[in-house]
C-alpha atoms as a PDB file:
ATOM      1  CA  LEU A   1     104.381 138.696 107.980  1.00  0.00           C
ATOM      2  CA  ARG A   2     106.204 136.103 105.878  1.00  0.00           C
ATOM      3  CA  ASP A   3     106.205 133.590 108.754  1.00  0.00           C
ATOM      4  CA  MET A   4     102.408 133.753 108.870  1.00  0.00           C
ATOM      5  CA  GLU A   5     101.931 132.615 105.258  1.00  0.00           C
ATOM      6  CA  PRO A   6     100.917 128.959 105.407  1.00  0.00           C
ATOM      7  CA  GLU A   7     101.795 126.118 103.119  1.00  0.00           C
ATOM      8  CA  ILE A   8     100.418 122.609 102.877  1.00  0.00           C
ATOM      9  CA  LYS A   9     103.036 119.922 103.549  1.00  0.00           C
ATOM     10  CA  VAL A  10     102.041 116.601 101.988  1.00  0.00           C
ATOM     11  CA  ASP A  11     103.245 112.994 102.379  1.00  0.00           C
ATOM     12  CA  VAL A  12     101.907 110.356  99.971  1.00  0.00           C
ATOM     13  CA  SER A  13     102.324 106.627 100.487  1.00  0.00           C
ATOM     14  CA  GLU A  14     100.787 103.694  98.643  1.00  0.00           C
ATOM     15  CA  ASP A  15     100.103  99.997  98.892  1.00  0.00           C
ATOM     16  CA  ASP A  16      98.471  97.620  96.399  1.00  0.00           C
ATOM     17  CA  LYS A  17      94.966  99.009  96.931  1.00  0.00           C
ATOM     18  CA  ASN A  18      95.221 102.567  98.262  1.00  0.00           C
ATOM     19  CA  TYR A  19      97.094 105.825  98.332  1.00  0.00           C
ATOM     20  CA  THR A  20      97.320 107.471 101.736  1.00  0.00           C
ATOM     21  CA  VAL A  21      97.824 111.215 101.788  1.00  0.00           C
ATOM     22  CA  ARG A  22      98.730 113.073 104.978  1.00  0.00           C
ATOM     23  CA  ALA A  23      98.585 116.857 104.676  1.00  0.00           C
ATOM     24  CA  GLU A  24      99.589 119.284 107.427  1.00  0.00           C
ATOM     25  CA  ILE A  25      97.140 122.185 107.519  1.00  0.00           C
ATOM     26  CA  PRO A  26      97.432 123.610 111.048  1.00  0.00           C
ATOM     27  CA  GLY A  27      95.097 126.279 112.387  1.00  0.00           C
ATOM     28  CA  VAL A  28      92.392 125.748 109.765  1.00  0.00           C
ATOM     29  CA  ALA A  29      88.782 124.795 110.508  1.00  0.00           C
ATOM     30  CA  LYS A  30      87.583 121.523 108.970  1.00  0.00           C
ATOM     31  CA  GLU A  31      84.802 123.450 107.184  1.00  0.00           C
ATOM     32  CA  ASP A  32      87.419 125.605 105.426  1.00  0.00           C
ATOM     33  CA  ILE A  33      89.125 122.633 103.714  1.00  0.00           C
ATOM     34  CA  LYS A  34      88.015 121.364 100.303  1.00  0.00           C
ATOM     35  CA  VAL A  35      89.355 118.225  98.632  1.00  0.00           C
ATOM     36  CA  ALA A  36      88.706 117.398  94.970  1.00  0.00           C
ATOM     37  CA  VAL A  37      89.621 114.169  93.167  1.00  0.00           C
ATOM     38  CA  ASP A  38      89.331 113.863  89.398  1.00  0.00           C
ATOM     39  CA  GLY A  39      90.797 110.688  87.905  1.00  0.00           C
ATOM     40  CA  ASN A  40      94.381 110.706  89.169  1.00  0.00           C
ATOM     41  CA  GLN A  41      94.398 114.430  90.062  1.00  0.00           C
ATOM     42  CA  VAL A  42      94.078 115.444  93.730  1.00  0.00           C
ATOM     43  CA  SER A  43      93.575 119.038  94.905  1.00  0.00           C
ATOM     44  CA  ILE A  44      93.514 120.297  98.482  1.00  0.00           C
ATOM     45  CA  ASN A  45      92.321 123.862  99.115  1.00  0.00           C
ATOM     46  CA  ALA A  46      92.151 125.604 102.480  1.00  0.00           C
ATOM     47  CA  GLU A  47      90.902 129.027 103.577  1.00  0.00           C
ATOM     48  CA  VAL A  48      93.385 130.331 106.136  1.00  0.00           C
ATOM     49  CA  LYS A  49      92.755 132.982 108.770  1.00  0.00           C
ATOM     50  CA  LYS A  50      95.647 133.781 111.091  1.00  0.00           C
ATOM     51  CA  GLU A  51      95.998 136.594 113.574  1.00  0.00           C
ATOM     52  CA  LYS A  52      99.004 137.539 115.655  1.00  0.00           C
ATOM     53  CA  GLU A  53      99.072 140.226 118.301  1.00  0.00           C
ATOM     54  CA  GLU A  54     101.836 141.443 120.598  1.00  0.00           C
ATOM     55  CA  LYS A  55     101.014 143.410 123.725  1.00  0.00           C
ATOM     56  CA  GLU A  56     102.885 145.261 126.409  1.00  0.00           C
ATOM     57  CA  GLY A  57     100.471 145.369 129.309  1.00  0.00           C
ATOM     58  CA  LYS A  58      97.181 146.522 127.785  1.00  0.00           C
ATOM     59  CA  LYS A  59      98.829 148.392 124.925  1.00  0.00           C
ATOM     60  CA  VAL A  60      98.946 146.628 121.550  1.00  0.00           C
ATOM     61  CA  ILE A  61     102.367 147.186 119.982  1.00  0.00           C
ATOM     62  CA  ARG A  62     101.889 145.012 116.894  1.00  0.00           C
ATOM     63  CA  SER A  63      98.929 143.301 115.261  1.00  0.00           C
ATOM     64  CA  GLU A  64      99.060 141.230 112.080  1.00  0.00           C
ATOM     65  CA  ARG A  65      96.442 139.336 110.136  1.00  0.00           C
ATOM     66  CA  TYR A  66      96.713 136.907 107.272  1.00  0.00           C
ATOM     67  CA  TYR A  67      93.675 135.846 105.301  1.00  0.00           C
ATOM     68  CA  GLY A  68      94.120 133.804 102.192  1.00  0.00           C
ATOM     69  CA  ARG A  69      93.795 130.543 100.377  1.00  0.00           C
ATOM     70  CA  VAL A  70      96.391 127.834 100.044  1.00  0.00           C
ATOM     71  CA  CYS A  71      96.238 125.090  97.459  1.00  0.00           C
ATOM     72  CA  ARG A  72      98.182 121.940  96.733  1.00  0.00           C
ATOM     73  CA  SER A  73      97.562 119.792  93.640  1.00  0.00           C
ATOM     74  CA  PHE A  74      99.323 116.664  92.460  1.00  0.00           C
ATOM     75  CA  SER A  75      98.930 113.658  90.154  1.00  0.00           C
ATOM     76  CA  LEU A  76      99.044 109.999  91.137  1.00  0.00           C
ATOM     77  CA  ALA A  77     100.102 107.058  88.962  1.00  0.00           C
ATOM     78  CA  HIS A  78      96.630 105.412  89.122  1.00  0.00           C
ATOM     79  CA  ASP A  79      93.099 106.765  88.868  1.00  0.00           C
ATOM     80  CA  VAL A  80      91.254 106.978  92.170  1.00  0.00           C
ATOM     81  CA  ASP A  81      87.871 105.385  92.926  1.00  0.00           C
ATOM     82  CA  GLN A  82      86.148 108.678  93.774  1.00  0.00           C
ATOM     83  CA  ASP A  83      83.131 106.995  95.387  1.00  0.00           C
ATOM     84  CA  ALA A  84      85.296 105.266  98.021  1.00  0.00           C
ATOM     85  CA  VAL A  85      87.542 108.172  99.107  1.00  0.00           C
ATOM     86  CA  LYS A  86      87.722 108.741 102.870  1.00  0.00           C
ATOM     87  CA  ALA A  87      88.888 111.960 104.528  1.00  0.00           C
ATOM     88  CA  LYS A  88      89.401 112.903 108.163  1.00  0.00           C
ATOM     89  CA  TYR A  89      90.868 115.988 109.794  1.00  0.00           C
ATOM     90  CA  SER A  90      92.213 116.085 113.333  1.00  0.00           C
ATOM     91  CA  ASP A  91      94.751 118.297 115.151  1.00  0.00           C
ATOM     92  CA  GLY A  92      95.885 120.087 111.988  1.00  0.00           C
ATOM     93  CA  MET A  93      96.395 116.865 110.004  1.00  0.00           C
ATOM     94  CA  LEU A  94      94.221 115.920 107.027  1.00  0.00           C
ATOM     95  CA  GLU A  95      94.339 112.220 106.156  1.00  0.00           C
ATOM     96  CA  LEU A  96      92.951 110.959 102.862  1.00  0.00           C
ATOM     97  CA  THR A  97      92.501 107.314 101.901  1.00  0.00           C
ATOM     98  CA  LEU A  98      92.300 107.146  98.112  1.00  0.00           C
ATOM     99  CA  PRO A  99      91.438 103.653  96.799  1.00  0.00           C
ATOM    100  CA  LYS A 100      92.951 102.817  93.416  1.00  0.00           C
ATOM    101  CA  LYS A 101      90.423 102.199  90.665  1.00  0.00           C
ATOM    102  CA  PRO A 102      90.678  98.551  89.531  1.00  0.00           C
ATOM    103  CA  GLY A 103      92.185  98.002  86.110  1.00  0.00           C
ATOM    104  CA  THR A 104      93.926 101.394  85.824  1.00  0.00           C
ATOM    105  CA  ALA A 105      97.442 100.236  86.537  1.00  0.00           C
ATOM    106  CA  GLY A 106     100.088 102.096  84.634  1.00  0.00           C
ATOM    107  CA  LYS A 107     101.494 100.286  81.628  1.00  0.00           C
ATOM    108  CA  GLU A 108     105.153 100.273  80.776  1.00  0.00           C
ATOM    109  CA  ILE A 109     105.745 101.074  77.126  1.00  0.00           C
ATOM    110  CA  THR A 110     108.305  99.144  75.074  1.00  0.00           C
ATOM    111  CA  ILE A 111     110.508 101.487  73.073  1.00  0.00           C
ATOM    112  CA  SER A 112     111.361 100.267  69.582  1.00  0.00           C
END
């Protein structure tokens, strides 16, 4: 059953204005994915339902089910403009466009 337990694989890239997050969440319905953004914190939650069945002819020899929740949270270097976030989900891939909030660039601290 271990091979049925899902995980969310995430790639994050950035340019001057946006972060782009690509998260692999295969086999999950769009309605079962929740994304939350709070300042520079991003959380992705998904409700996963997987079923696997092996048959010989009409006889079921093994049946497995996995129902659960997977979550992935991470912090970004800049706060995100929550009102301008865009999200789309297609073919098991969630893509988030997270615009950086103006004026929240990280500041390097001088050590004395």
